[in-house]
Amino acid sequence: MIKDLEYKLEKIGGVHTIESIKTLLKVDRIKAIKILSGLRKKGYVKTKRLSNNKRVYDISFENRIGGSNHIEVLNQNSQIKLSGADVVQIHGKEISLEETLISAIKSKSLRQILASLALFKKINNWPYLYRLSKAENFERKVSALYELSRKLMKTRKMTKRFQRLALPKKDAKYQYIIEGLNSKDFKKIESRWKVYLPFNKADLEDYS
């Protein structure tokens, strides 16, 4: 039975619907569902939903190894969905929300950073986030994004220690989250943290 499943895994590896599995294996719908169920129990299948609510199945040996990528974590925790086509899977390691936030900032992608605002609803390991932020000189950027997120949703409360350590000195220069972009609507946040935010109110409509 195991060898039979592995043979089917090799034959239908990739992203499929029930219909495409039927065609590739030349079986009826009931048999296709049974095969898919067997592969899922072994950990080879991840189910995804498309924008039209249709289910597709990502079938691969790597799924059984475990792990995740930053885009998957964002999609699991934010209503703003992203494509993960160009993201490398990190096997054998689950990525934390704190690591995902730092990765989004490093990406310099407007969409990733926008999606990452939702992470503040669940992040609670502030000492770890501070260590990650400090390593990248992102303390002020994280703080500015956190303050912005609080205007959009109910978040976990950042520790006073994080905020105190992140506050800029009087002579600190402004930092860009994305080079050349600044906000017309969130000047107070920018002034407090000396960080230029790349969003205006109109950019945040997905959170309304």
C-alpha atoms as a PDB file:
ATOM      1  CA  MET A   1       0.000   0.000   0.000  1.00  0.00           C
ATOM      2  CA  ILE A   2       2.832   2.415   0.929  1.00  0.00           C
ATOM      3  CA  LYS A   3       4.725   1.695  -2.301  1.00  0.00           C
ATOM      4  CA  ASP A   4       1.481   2.160  -4.246  1.00  0.00           C
ATOM      5  CA  LEU A   5       0.925   5.575  -2.645  1.00  0.00           C
ATOM      6  CA  GLU A   6       4.525   6.614  -3.324  1.00  0.00           C
ATOM      7  CA  TYR A   7       4.129   5.607  -6.956  1.00  0.00           C
ATOM      8  CA  LYS A   8       0.989   7.766  -7.183  1.00  0.00           C
ATOM      9  CA  LEU A   9       2.797  10.613  -5.422  1.00  0.00           C
ATOM     10  CA  GLU A  10       5.547  10.491  -8.062  1.00  0.00           C
ATOM     11  CA  LYS A  11       2.973  10.463 -10.847  1.00  0.00           C
ATOM     12  CA  ILE A  12       0.773  13.317  -9.639  1.00  0.00           C
ATOM     13  CA  GLY A  13       3.274  15.516  -7.798  1.00  0.00           C
ATOM     14  CA  GLY A  14       2.407  19.188  -8.215  1.00  0.00           C
ATOM     15  CA  VAL A  15      -0.726  21.280  -7.856  1.00  0.00           C
ATOM     16  CA  HIS A  16      -3.948  19.590  -8.889  1.00  0.00           C
ATOM     17  CA  THR A  17      -7.708  19.529  -8.678  1.00  0.00           C
ATOM     18  CA  ILE A  18      -9.717  16.339  -8.212  1.00  0.00           C
ATOM     19  CA  GLU A  19     -10.446  16.436 -11.944  1.00  0.00           C
ATOM     20  CA  SER A  20      -6.788  16.556 -12.936  1.00  0.00           C
ATOM     21  CA  ILE A  21      -5.980  13.705 -10.507  1.00  0.00           C
ATOM     22  CA  LYS A  22      -8.751  11.646 -12.127  1.00  0.00           C
ATOM     23  CA  THR A  23      -7.287  12.293 -15.565  1.00  0.00           C
ATOM     24  CA  LEU A  24      -3.665  11.542 -14.647  1.00  0.00           C
ATOM     25  CA  LEU A  25      -4.436   8.332 -12.783  1.00  0.00           C
ATOM     26  CA  LYS A  26      -7.316   7.311 -15.052  1.00  0.00           C
ATOM     27  CA  VAL A  27      -9.677   6.648 -12.137  1.00  0.00           C
ATOM     28  CA  ASP A  28     -13.165   7.799 -11.201  1.00  0.00           C
ATOM     29  CA  ARG A  29     -13.911  10.583  -8.722  1.00  0.00           C
ATOM     30  CA  ILE A  30     -14.438   8.297  -5.723  1.00  0.00           C
ATOM     31  CA  LYS A  31     -11.097   6.551  -6.329  1.00  0.00           C
ATOM     32  CA  ALA A  32      -9.322   9.900  -6.829  1.00  0.00           C
ATOM     33  CA  ILE A  33     -10.664  11.177  -3.494  1.00  0.00           C
ATOM     34  CA  LYS A  34      -9.563   7.962  -1.776  1.00  0.00           C
ATOM     35  CA  ILE A  35      -6.026   8.266  -3.185  1.00  0.00           C
ATOM     36  CA  LEU A  36      -5.859  11.945  -2.199  1.00  0.00           C
ATOM     37  CA  SER A  37      -7.028  11.048   1.316  1.00  0.00           C
ATOM     38  CA  GLY A  38      -4.310   8.393   1.619  1.00  0.00           C
ATOM     39  CA  LEU A  39      -1.624  10.843   0.523  1.00  0.00           C
ATOM     40  CA  ARG A  40      -2.945  13.488   2.915  1.00  0.00           C
ATOM     41  CA  LYS A  41      -2.776  11.103   5.880  1.00  0.00           C
ATOM     42  CA  LYS A  42       0.888  10.520   5.048  1.00  0.00           C
ATOM     43  CA  GLY A  43       1.505  14.274   5.045  1.00  0.00           C
ATOM     44  CA  TYR A  44       2.066  14.711   1.307  1.00  0.00           C
ATOM     45  CA  VAL A  45      -0.871  17.067   0.619  1.00  0.00           C
ATOM     46  CA  LYS A  46      -1.580  20.711   1.394  1.00  0.00           C
ATOM     47  CA  THR A  47      -5.014  22.037   0.492  1.00  0.00           C
ATOM     48  CA  LYS A  48      -5.378  25.573  -0.848  1.00  0.00           C
ATOM     49  CA  ARG A  49      -8.333  27.682  -1.948  1.00  0.00           C
ATOM     50  CA  LEU A  50      -8.237  29.883  -5.029  1.00  0.00           C
ATOM     51  CA  SER A  51      -9.875  33.310  -5.225  1.00  0.00           C
ATOM     52  CA  ASN A  52     -12.980  31.645  -6.727  1.00  0.00           C
ATOM     53  CA  ASN A  53     -13.139  29.361  -3.634  1.00  0.00           C
ATOM     54  CA  LYS A  54     -12.142  26.313  -5.675  1.00  0.00           C
ATOM     55  CA  ARG A  55      -9.920  23.797  -3.879  1.00  0.00           C
ATOM     56  CA  VAL A  56      -6.563  22.760  -5.263  1.00  0.00           C
ATOM     57  CA  TYR A  57      -4.105  20.288  -3.786  1.00  0.00           C
ATOM     58  CA  ASP A  58      -0.357  20.814  -3.527  1.00  0.00           C
ATOM     59  CA  ILE A  59       1.059  17.280  -3.604  1.00  0.00           C
ATOM     60  CA  SER A  60       4.754  16.696  -2.938  1.00  0.00           C
ATOM     61  CA  PHE A  61       7.243  14.750  -0.869  1.00  0.00           C
ATOM     62  CA  GLU A  62       8.570  18.018   0.610  1.00  0.00           C
ATOM     63  CA  ASN A  63       5.226  18.638   2.332  1.00  0.00           C
ATOM     64  CA  ARG A  64       5.908  15.652   4.574  1.00  0.00           C
ATOM     65  CA  ILE A  65       9.262  17.090   5.680  1.00  0.00           C
ATOM     66  CA  GLY A  66       7.428  19.994   7.219  1.00  0.00           C
ATOM     67  CA  GLY A  67       8.372  23.617   7.524  1.00  0.00           C
ATOM     68  CA  SER A  68       6.917  26.726   5.996  1.00  0.00           C
ATOM     69  CA  ASN A  69       7.803  29.967   4.273  1.00  0.00           C
ATOM     70  CA  HIS A  70       7.179  33.586   5.140  1.00  0.00           C
ATOM     71  CA  ILE A  71       4.440  34.047   2.548  1.00  0.00           C
ATOM     72  CA  GLU A  72       2.499  31.087   3.935  1.00  0.00           C
ATOM     73  CA  VAL A  73       2.705  32.564   7.423  1.00  0.00           C
ATOM     74  CA  LEU A  74       1.452  35.928   6.146  1.00  0.00           C
ATOM     75  CA  ASN A  75      -1.414  34.292   4.264  1.00  0.00           C
ATOM     76  CA  GLN A  76      -2.400  32.344   7.370  1.00  0.00           C
ATOM     77  CA  ASN A  77      -2.507  35.472   9.521  1.00  0.00           C
ATOM     78  CA  SER A  78      -3.612  38.322   7.259  1.00  0.00           C
ATOM     79  CA  GLN A  79      -6.669  39.017   5.108  1.00  0.00           C
ATOM     80  CA  ILE A  80      -4.297  40.362   2.464  1.00  0.00           C
ATOM     81  CA  LYS A  81      -3.222  37.342   0.428  1.00  0.00           C
ATOM     82  CA  LEU A  82       0.071  36.987  -1.431  1.00  0.00           C
ATOM     83  CA  SER A  83       1.554  34.712  -4.047  1.00  0.00           C
ATOM     84  CA  GLY A  84       4.366  32.495  -2.805  1.00  0.00           C
ATOM     85  CA  ALA A  85       5.623  31.329  -6.187  1.00  0.00           C
ATOM     86  CA  ASP A  86       9.103  32.773  -5.762  1.00  0.00           C
ATOM     87  CA  VAL A  87       9.589  31.957  -2.087  1.00  0.00           C
ATOM     88  CA  VAL A  88      11.880  29.155  -0.955  1.00  0.00           C
ATOM     89  CA  GLN A  89      10.388  26.626   1.439  1.00  0.00           C
ATOM     90  CA  ILE A  90      12.301  26.247   4.702  1.00  0.00           C
ATOM     91  CA  HIS A  91      12.090  22.560   5.593  1.00  0.00           C
ATOM     92  CA  GLY A  92      12.099  21.155   9.090  1.00  0.00           C
ATOM     93  CA  LYS A  93      11.494  24.576  10.690  1.00  0.00           C
ATOM     94  CA  GLU A  94       8.328  26.463  11.451  1.00  0.00           C
ATOM     95  CA  ILE A  95       8.795  30.195  10.939  1.00  0.00           C
ATOM     96  CA  SER A  96       7.679  32.470  13.753  1.00  0.00           C
ATOM     97  CA  LEU A  97       5.473  35.538  13.392  1.00  0.00           C
ATOM     98  CA  GLU A  98       8.382  37.667  14.565  1.00  0.00           C
ATOM     99  CA  GLU A  99      10.686  36.284  11.860  1.00  0.00           C
ATOM    100  CA  THR A 100       7.952  36.776   9.266  1.00  0.00           C
ATOM    101  CA  LEU A 101       7.553  40.445  10.179  1.00  0.00           C
ATOM    102  CA  ILE A 102      11.281  41.091   9.827  1.00  0.00           C
ATOM    103  CA  SER A 103      11.312  39.209   6.501  1.00  0.00           C
ATOM    104  CA  ALA A 104       8.456  41.365   5.199  1.00  0.00           C
ATOM    105  CA  ILE A 105      10.332  44.564   6.040  1.00  0.00           C
ATOM    106  CA  LYS A 106      13.506  43.225   4.423  1.00  0.00           C
ATOM    107  CA  SER A 107      11.568  42.336   1.263  1.00  0.00           C
ATOM    108  CA  LYS A 108      10.854  46.044   0.572  1.00  0.00           C
ATOM    109  CA  SER A 109       7.587  44.835  -0.961  1.00  0.00           C
ATOM    110  CA  LEU A 110       4.615  47.142  -0.332  1.00  0.00           C
ATOM    111  CA  ARG A 111       2.218  44.209  -0.421  1.00  0.00           C
ATOM    112  CA  GLN A 112       4.209  42.072   2.015  1.00  0.00           C
ATOM    113  CA  ILE A 113       4.689  44.925   4.451  1.00  0.00           C
ATOM    114  CA  LEU A 114       0.992  45.802   4.219  1.00  0.00           C
ATOM    115  CA  ALA A 115       0.020  42.186   4.923  1.00  0.00           C
ATOM    116  CA  SER A 116       2.482  42.030   7.825  1.00  0.00           C
ATOM    117  CA  LEU A 117       0.569  44.692   9.791  1.00  0.00           C
ATOM    118  CA  ALA A 118      -1.900  41.963  10.749  1.00  0.00           C
ATOM    119  CA  LEU A 119       0.858  40.066  12.567  1.00  0.00           C
ATOM    120  CA  PHE A 120       0.702  42.575  15.401  1.00  0.00           C
ATOM    121  CA  LYS A 121      -2.639  41.047  16.393  1.00  0.00           C
ATOM    122  CA  LYS A 122      -0.790  37.888  17.454  1.00  0.00           C
ATOM    123  CA  ILE A 123       2.853  38.749  18.128  1.00  0.00           C
ATOM    124  CA  ASN A 124       3.631  38.497  21.837  1.00  0.00           C
ATOM    125  CA  ASN A 125       7.322  37.578  22.048  1.00  0.00           C
ATOM    126  CA  TRP A 126       8.533  41.155  22.171  1.00  0.00           C
ATOM    127  CA  PRO A 127      12.043  40.380  23.506  1.00  0.00           C
ATOM    128  CA  TYR A 128      12.634  38.061  20.545  1.00  0.00           C
ATOM    129  CA  LEU A 129      11.221  40.589  18.096  1.00  0.00           C
ATOM    130  CA  TYR A 130      13.470  43.255  19.579  1.00  0.00           C
ATOM    131  CA  ARG A 131      16.566  41.069  19.144  1.00  0.00           C
ATOM    132  CA  LEU A 132      15.644  40.363  15.523  1.00  0.00           C
ATOM    133  CA  SER A 133      14.894  44.044  14.903  1.00  0.00           C
ATOM    134  CA  LYS A 134      18.110  45.277  16.483  1.00  0.00           C
ATOM    135  CA  ALA A 135      20.174  42.874  14.358  1.00  0.00           C
ATOM    136  CA  GLU A 136      18.759  44.556  11.227  1.00  0.00           C
ATOM    137  CA  ASN A 137      18.539  48.123  12.649  1.00  0.00           C
ATOM    138  CA  PHE A 138      14.752  47.818  12.282  1.00  0.00           C
ATOM    139  CA  GLU A 139      13.691  48.788  15.831  1.00  0.00           C
ATOM    140  CA  ARG A 140      12.216  52.124  14.740  1.00  0.00           C
ATOM    141  CA  LYS A 141      10.661  50.664  11.606  1.00  0.00           C
ATOM    142  CA  VAL A 142       8.925  47.923  13.595  1.00  0.00           C
ATOM    143  CA  SER A 143       7.705  50.487  16.131  1.00  0.00           C
ATOM    144  CA  ALA A 144       6.323  52.786  13.439  1.00  0.00           C
ATOM    145  CA  LEU A 145       4.519  49.910  11.709  1.00  0.00           C
ATOM    146  CA  TYR A 146       3.172  48.749  15.068  1.00  0.00           C
ATOM    147  CA  GLU A 147       1.751  52.200  15.814  1.00  0.00           C
ATOM    148  CA  LEU A 148       0.217  52.295  12.341  1.00  0.00           C
ATOM    149  CA  SER A 149      -1.356  48.862  12.840  1.00  0.00           C
ATOM    150  CA  ARG A 150      -3.051  50.078  16.030  1.00  0.00           C
ATOM    151  CA  LYS A 151      -4.981  52.597  13.962  1.00  0.00           C
ATOM    152  CA  LEU A 152      -6.425  49.736  11.921  1.00  0.00           C
ATOM    153  CA  MET A 153      -7.073  46.886  14.347  1.00  0.00           C
ATOM    154  CA  LYS A 154      -6.845  45.614  17.893  1.00  0.00           C
ATOM    155  CA  THR A 155      -3.288  44.425  18.485  1.00  0.00           C
ATOM    156  CA  ARG A 156      -1.204  42.833  21.194  1.00  0.00           C
ATOM    157  CA  LYS A 157       0.439  45.503  23.341  1.00  0.00           C
ATOM    158  CA  MET A 158       4.089  46.219  22.644  1.00  0.00           C
ATOM    159  CA  THR A 159       6.190  46.281  25.807  1.00  0.00           C
ATOM    160  CA  LYS A 160       7.310  49.630  27.197  1.00  0.00           C
ATOM    161  CA  ARG A 161      10.877  48.350  27.164  1.00  0.00           C
ATOM    162  CA  PHE A 162      10.746  47.751  23.388  1.00  0.00           C
ATOM    163  CA  GLN A 163       9.333  51.220  22.782  1.00  0.00           C
ATOM    164  CA  ARG A 164      11.835  52.888  25.116  1.00  0.00           C
ATOM    165  CA  LEU A 165      14.826  51.175  23.514  1.00  0.00           C
ATOM    166  CA  ALA A 166      13.537  51.897  19.999  1.00  0.00           C
ATOM    167  CA  LEU A 167      12.911  55.637  20.433  1.00  0.00           C
ATOM    168  CA  PRO A 168      15.252  57.645  18.192  1.00  0.00           C
ATOM    169  CA  LYS A 169      17.811  60.089  19.535  1.00  0.00           C
ATOM    170  CA  LYS A 170      17.280  63.770  18.807  1.00  0.00           C
ATOM    171  CA  ASP A 171      19.959  63.818  16.125  1.00  0.00           C
ATOM    172  CA  ALA A 172      18.822  60.556  14.467  1.00  0.00           C
ATOM    173  CA  LYS A 173      18.260  60.684  10.731  1.00  0.00           C
ATOM    174  CA  TYR A 174      14.986  59.565   9.196  1.00  0.00           C
ATOM    175  CA  GLN A 175      14.821  56.015   7.865  1.00  0.00           C
ATOM    176  CA  TYR A 176      12.816  54.822   4.869  1.00  0.00           C
ATOM    177  CA  ILE A 177      10.917  51.534   5.021  1.00  0.00           C
ATOM    178  CA  ILE A 178      10.825  51.699   1.223  1.00  0.00           C
ATOM    179  CA  GLU A 179      13.251  54.175  -0.299  1.00  0.00           C
ATOM    180  CA  GLY A 180      11.592  57.330  -1.601  1.00  0.00           C
ATOM    181  CA  LEU A 181       8.127  56.657  -0.145  1.00  0.00           C
ATOM    182  CA  ASN A 182       6.588  58.667   2.689  1.00  0.00           C
ATOM    183  CA  SER A 183       3.113  59.251   4.063  1.00  0.00           C
ATOM    184  CA  LYS A 184       0.885  62.301   3.788  1.00  0.00           C
ATOM    185  CA  ASP A 185      -1.556  60.989   6.399  1.00  0.00           C
ATOM    186  CA  PHE A 186       0.600  59.619   9.221  1.00  0.00           C
ATOM    187  CA  LYS A 187       3.067  62.423   9.882  1.00  0.00           C
ATOM    188  CA  LYS A 188       2.810  62.103  13.691  1.00  0.00           C
ATOM    189  CA  ILE A 189       3.956  58.487  13.572  1.00  0.00           C
ATOM    190  CA  GLU A 190       6.751  59.388  11.173  1.00  0.00           C
ATOM    191  CA  SER A 191       7.856  62.249  13.421  1.00  0.00           C
ATOM    192  CA  ARG A 192       7.831  60.167  16.610  1.00  0.00           C
ATOM    193  CA  TRP A 193       9.947  57.334  15.205  1.00  0.00           C
ATOM    194  CA  LYS A 194      11.797  59.276  12.495  1.00  0.00           C
ATOM    195  CA  VAL A 195      10.685  56.671   9.979  1.00  0.00           C
ATOM    196  CA  TYR A 196       8.965  57.374   6.682  1.00  0.00           C
ATOM    197  CA  LEU A 197       5.910  55.158   6.265  1.00  0.00           C
ATOM    198  CA  PRO A 198       5.133  53.961   2.717  1.00  0.00           C
ATOM    199  CA  PHE A 199       1.338  54.076   3.183  1.00  0.00           C
ATOM    200  CA  ASN A 200      -1.465  56.619   3.115  1.00  0.00           C
ATOM    201  CA  LYS A 201      -5.018  56.021   4.359  1.00  0.00           C
ATOM    202  CA  ALA A 202      -6.181  54.951   0.904  1.00  0.00           C
ATOM    203  CA  ASP A 203      -3.584  52.169   0.852  1.00  0.00           C
ATOM    204  CA  LEU A 204      -5.079  50.587   3.981  1.00  0.00           C
ATOM    205  CA  GLU A 205      -8.625  50.012   2.684  1.00  0.00           C
ATOM    206  CA  ASP A 206      -8.177  46.218   2.793  1.00  0.00           C
ATOM    207  CA  TYR A 207      -8.187  46.503   6.591  1.00  0.00           C
ATOM    208  CA  SER A 208     -11.417  48.509   6.788  1.00  0.00           C
END
